[in-house]
Amino acid sequence: SSKGFQLVAGEQYMAYYPIVNEVTAAPIIPVDYTGQTQDGNGSYAHLASHDYMVSDAVTPTATNVADFAMHHVGAILRLRITMRKADSYSSVVLSATSDKAFTTKANLNLFGTELIEPTEQASTITLNLTNATTTDADKVLTVWAMVLPTDLSSETVTVTVKSATGADDAVFSF
């Protein structure tokens, strides 16, 4: 809370980004990593709208005097996949063996005991692609996605690259 849109000395504040469309009385910020669409091979411009940041709690020492150190909540996932042949691609799907391997939606609870409270989890995540192509000279498809940090060390993860031209999908496991 604030008094007259000022940060008051002795009160506690947190900052977050991106701003939500409505002011909320509760310090709960919804986070949604679904619907990511990459435009072009190697482009990462789409990450900005999914790059949630939050600060530690700050107590101003005087009116409007506070330093908010922002921290990224998510992790950037970059995959460089050498395709067998040149093609255009419509999506990349990551599938894990566990039903709850990936958190796709969560709440940031700014003053809770746990900052990240999962609200939706799934065994797959999908990155949609537009204008993503490889050529005979460069068959490397580079995709970027924003995800919540997760431990996949006990999972088998399958990456399926879907063709936009009707060619066979490429499937990789690790």
Protein backbone atom coordinates (compact mmCIF):
# COMPACT_ATOMS: atom_id res chain seq x y z
CA SER A 1 0.00 0.00 0.00
CA SER A 2 1.05 3.60 -0.37
CA LYS A 3 -0.05 7.01 0.79
CA GLY A 4 -0.67 9.40 -2.07
CA PHE A 5 1.36 7.25 -4.48
CA GLN A 6 4.49 7.65 -2.41
CA LEU A 7 6.72 5.04 -0.89
CA VAL A 8 6.58 5.63 2.85
CA ALA A 9 9.64 5.19 5.07
CA GLY A 10 9.35 2.15 7.33
CA GLU A 11 6.72 0.36 5.18
CA GLN A 12 7.55 -2.77 3.18
CA TYR A 13 7.23 -2.96 -0.63
CA MET A 14 7.95 -5.36 -3.47
CA ALA A 15 8.07 -4.67 -7.18
CA TYR A 16 7.20 -6.95 -10.09
CA TYR A 17 7.21 -6.87 -13.88
CA PRO A 18 5.30 -6.97 -16.20
CA ILE A 19 2.52 -5.00 -14.59
CA VAL A 20 -0.91 -6.60 -14.41
CA ASN A 21 -3.95 -4.87 -15.87
CA GLU A 22 -5.76 -4.35 -12.60
CA VAL A 23 -4.74 -3.31 -9.14
CA THR A 24 -5.13 -6.17 -6.70
CA ALA A 25 -5.46 -6.05 -2.94
CA ALA A 26 -3.64 -9.38 -2.58
CA PRO A 27 0.04 -9.62 -3.52
CA ILE A 28 -0.69 -12.45 -6.01
CA ILE A 29 0.60 -12.08 -9.58
CA PRO A 30 -0.54 -14.63 -12.19
CA VAL A 31 2.24 -16.09 -14.37
CA ASP A 32 1.41 -17.83 -17.66
CA TYR A 33 4.02 -19.58 -19.81
CA THR A 34 1.50 -21.00 -22.31
CA GLY A 35 0.95 -19.64 -25.81
CA GLN A 36 4.55 -18.73 -26.58
CA THR A 37 5.13 -18.17 -30.30
CA GLN A 38 8.56 -17.69 -31.82
CA ASP A 39 8.65 -15.80 -35.14
CA GLY A 40 11.66 -16.96 -37.17
CA ASN A 41 14.51 -19.38 -36.60
CA GLY A 42 16.57 -18.20 -33.64
CA SER A 43 14.36 -15.25 -32.68
CA TYR A 44 13.85 -14.62 -28.98
CA ALA A 45 11.75 -11.42 -29.12
CA HIS A 46 8.70 -13.32 -27.82
CA LEU A 47 10.40 -13.98 -24.47
CA ALA A 48 9.86 -10.43 -23.17
CA SER A 49 6.12 -10.92 -22.59
CA HIS A 50 6.84 -14.04 -20.50
CA ASP A 51 9.83 -12.66 -18.57
CA TYR A 52 8.38 -12.12 -15.11
CA MET A 53 10.59 -10.39 -12.57
CA VAL A 54 10.16 -9.69 -8.87
CA SER A 55 12.18 -7.85 -6.26
CA ASP A 56 13.02 -8.76 -2.71
CA ALA A 57 11.05 -6.93 -0.03
CA VAL A 58 12.35 -3.37 0.40
CA THR A 59 11.81 -0.96 3.28
CA PRO A 60 12.39 2.68 2.22
CA THR A 61 14.70 4.65 4.50
CA ALA A 62 12.94 7.90 3.59
CA THR A 63 9.90 8.87 1.52
CA ASN A 64 10.37 7.56 -2.04
CA VAL A 65 13.90 6.28 -1.32
CA ALA A 66 14.12 2.57 -2.15
CA ASP A 67 16.31 0.32 -4.28
CA PHE A 68 14.42 -2.53 -5.92
CA ALA A 69 16.76 -5.27 -7.17
CA MET A 70 14.76 -7.24 -9.73
CA HIS A 71 15.22 -11.01 -10.17
CA HIS A 72 14.02 -13.12 -13.10
CA VAL A 73 11.50 -15.76 -12.06
CA GLY A 74 11.77 -17.96 -15.14
CA ALA A 75 14.56 -19.70 -16.94
CA ILE A 76 15.39 -19.30 -20.61
CA LEU A 77 15.47 -22.58 -22.47
CA ARG A 78 17.44 -22.61 -25.73
CA LEU A 79 17.48 -25.65 -27.96
CA ARG A 80 19.75 -25.94 -31.00
CA ILE A 81 18.49 -28.89 -33.01
CA THR A 82 20.31 -30.16 -36.09
CA MET A 83 17.53 -31.26 -38.42
CA ARG A 84 17.98 -34.09 -40.91
CA LYS A 85 16.80 -31.98 -43.86
CA ALA A 86 15.74 -28.42 -44.66
CA ASP A 87 12.09 -27.64 -43.86
CA SER A 88 9.67 -25.18 -42.26
CA TYR A 89 8.38 -25.89 -38.75
CA SER A 90 5.13 -25.19 -36.89
CA SER A 91 6.01 -26.12 -33.30
CA VAL A 92 8.37 -27.78 -30.88
CA VAL A 93 6.82 -29.96 -28.16
CA LEU A 94 8.72 -31.05 -25.05
CA SER A 95 7.25 -34.12 -23.38
CA ALA A 96 8.35 -35.61 -20.07
CA THR A 97 7.45 -38.88 -18.38
CA SER A 98 5.90 -37.19 -15.31
CA ASP A 99 2.40 -35.66 -15.49
CA LYS A 100 3.62 -32.59 -13.58
CA ALA A 101 7.10 -32.12 -15.04
CA PHE A 102 6.43 -28.60 -16.32
CA THR A 103 4.66 -25.77 -14.50
CA THR A 104 2.74 -23.92 -17.20
CA LYS A 105 0.90 -21.46 -14.95
CA ALA A 106 1.63 -20.23 -11.45
CA ASN A 107 1.00 -17.44 -9.00
CA LEU A 108 3.77 -15.28 -7.65
CA ASN A 109 2.89 -14.82 -4.00
CA LEU A 110 4.94 -11.74 -3.17
CA PHE A 111 4.66 -12.12 0.60
CA GLY A 112 4.08 -15.89 0.88
CA THR A 113 6.51 -18.48 2.18
CA GLU A 114 7.00 -19.78 -1.38
CA LEU A 115 7.30 -17.20 -4.16
CA ILE A 116 6.13 -19.57 -6.93
CA GLU A 117 2.84 -21.40 -6.36
CA PRO A 118 2.04 -23.72 -9.31
CA THR A 119 -1.58 -23.57 -10.50
CA GLU A 120 -1.25 -25.71 -13.65
CA GLN A 121 1.28 -28.42 -14.41
CA ALA A 122 1.60 -30.68 -17.43
CA SER A 123 3.73 -33.38 -18.98
CA THR A 124 4.18 -31.30 -22.16
CA ILE A 125 4.93 -27.75 -23.18
CA THR A 126 4.56 -26.39 -26.70
CA LEU A 127 6.41 -23.58 -28.41
CA ASN A 128 4.56 -22.46 -31.53
CA LEU A 129 6.68 -21.44 -34.51
CA THR A 130 6.03 -19.10 -37.42
CA ASN A 131 8.51 -18.41 -40.22
CA ALA A 132 10.93 -20.93 -38.70
CA THR A 133 12.90 -22.64 -41.45
CA THR A 134 16.18 -24.40 -42.03
CA THR A 135 18.11 -24.63 -45.28
CA ASP A 136 20.38 -27.21 -46.87
CA ALA A 137 23.31 -24.94 -45.96
CA ASP A 138 22.17 -24.49 -42.32
CA LYS A 139 20.04 -27.26 -40.84
CA VAL A 140 20.22 -25.97 -37.25
CA LEU A 141 16.85 -24.97 -35.78
CA THR A 142 17.28 -22.70 -32.75
CA VAL A 143 14.27 -22.26 -30.48
CA TRP A 144 13.86 -20.24 -27.29
CA ALA A 145 11.23 -20.66 -24.56
CA MET A 146 10.66 -19.19 -21.13
CA VAL A 147 9.96 -21.85 -18.48
CA LEU A 148 9.83 -22.03 -14.72
CA PRO A 149 12.93 -23.72 -13.30
CA THR A 150 12.37 -27.46 -12.96
CA ASP A 151 14.47 -30.50 -12.16
CA LEU A 152 14.24 -32.90 -15.10
CA SER A 153 17.15 -35.13 -14.00
CA SER A 154 14.86 -38.10 -13.31
CA GLU A 155 12.78 -37.54 -16.47
CA THR A 156 13.07 -38.81 -20.00
CA VAL A 157 12.37 -35.78 -22.18
CA THR A 158 11.25 -36.12 -25.78
CA VAL A 159 11.50 -33.18 -28.18
CA THR A 160 9.15 -33.34 -31.17
CA VAL A 161 9.69 -30.85 -33.99
CA LYS A 162 6.52 -30.57 -36.06
CA SER A 163 6.83 -29.82 -39.76
CA ALA A 164 4.75 -27.00 -41.24
CA THR A 165 4.87 -28.63 -44.68
CA GLY A 166 3.47 -32.05 -43.81
CA ALA A 167 6.85 -33.77 -43.75
CA ASP A 168 7.53 -36.29 -40.99
CA ASP A 169 7.96 -34.90 -37.49
CA ALA A 170 11.46 -35.15 -36.03
CA VAL A 171 11.64 -36.80 -32.61
CA PHE A 172 14.62 -36.66 -30.23
CA SER A 173 14.86 -38.11 -26.70
CA PHE A 174 17.31 -37.43 -23.92
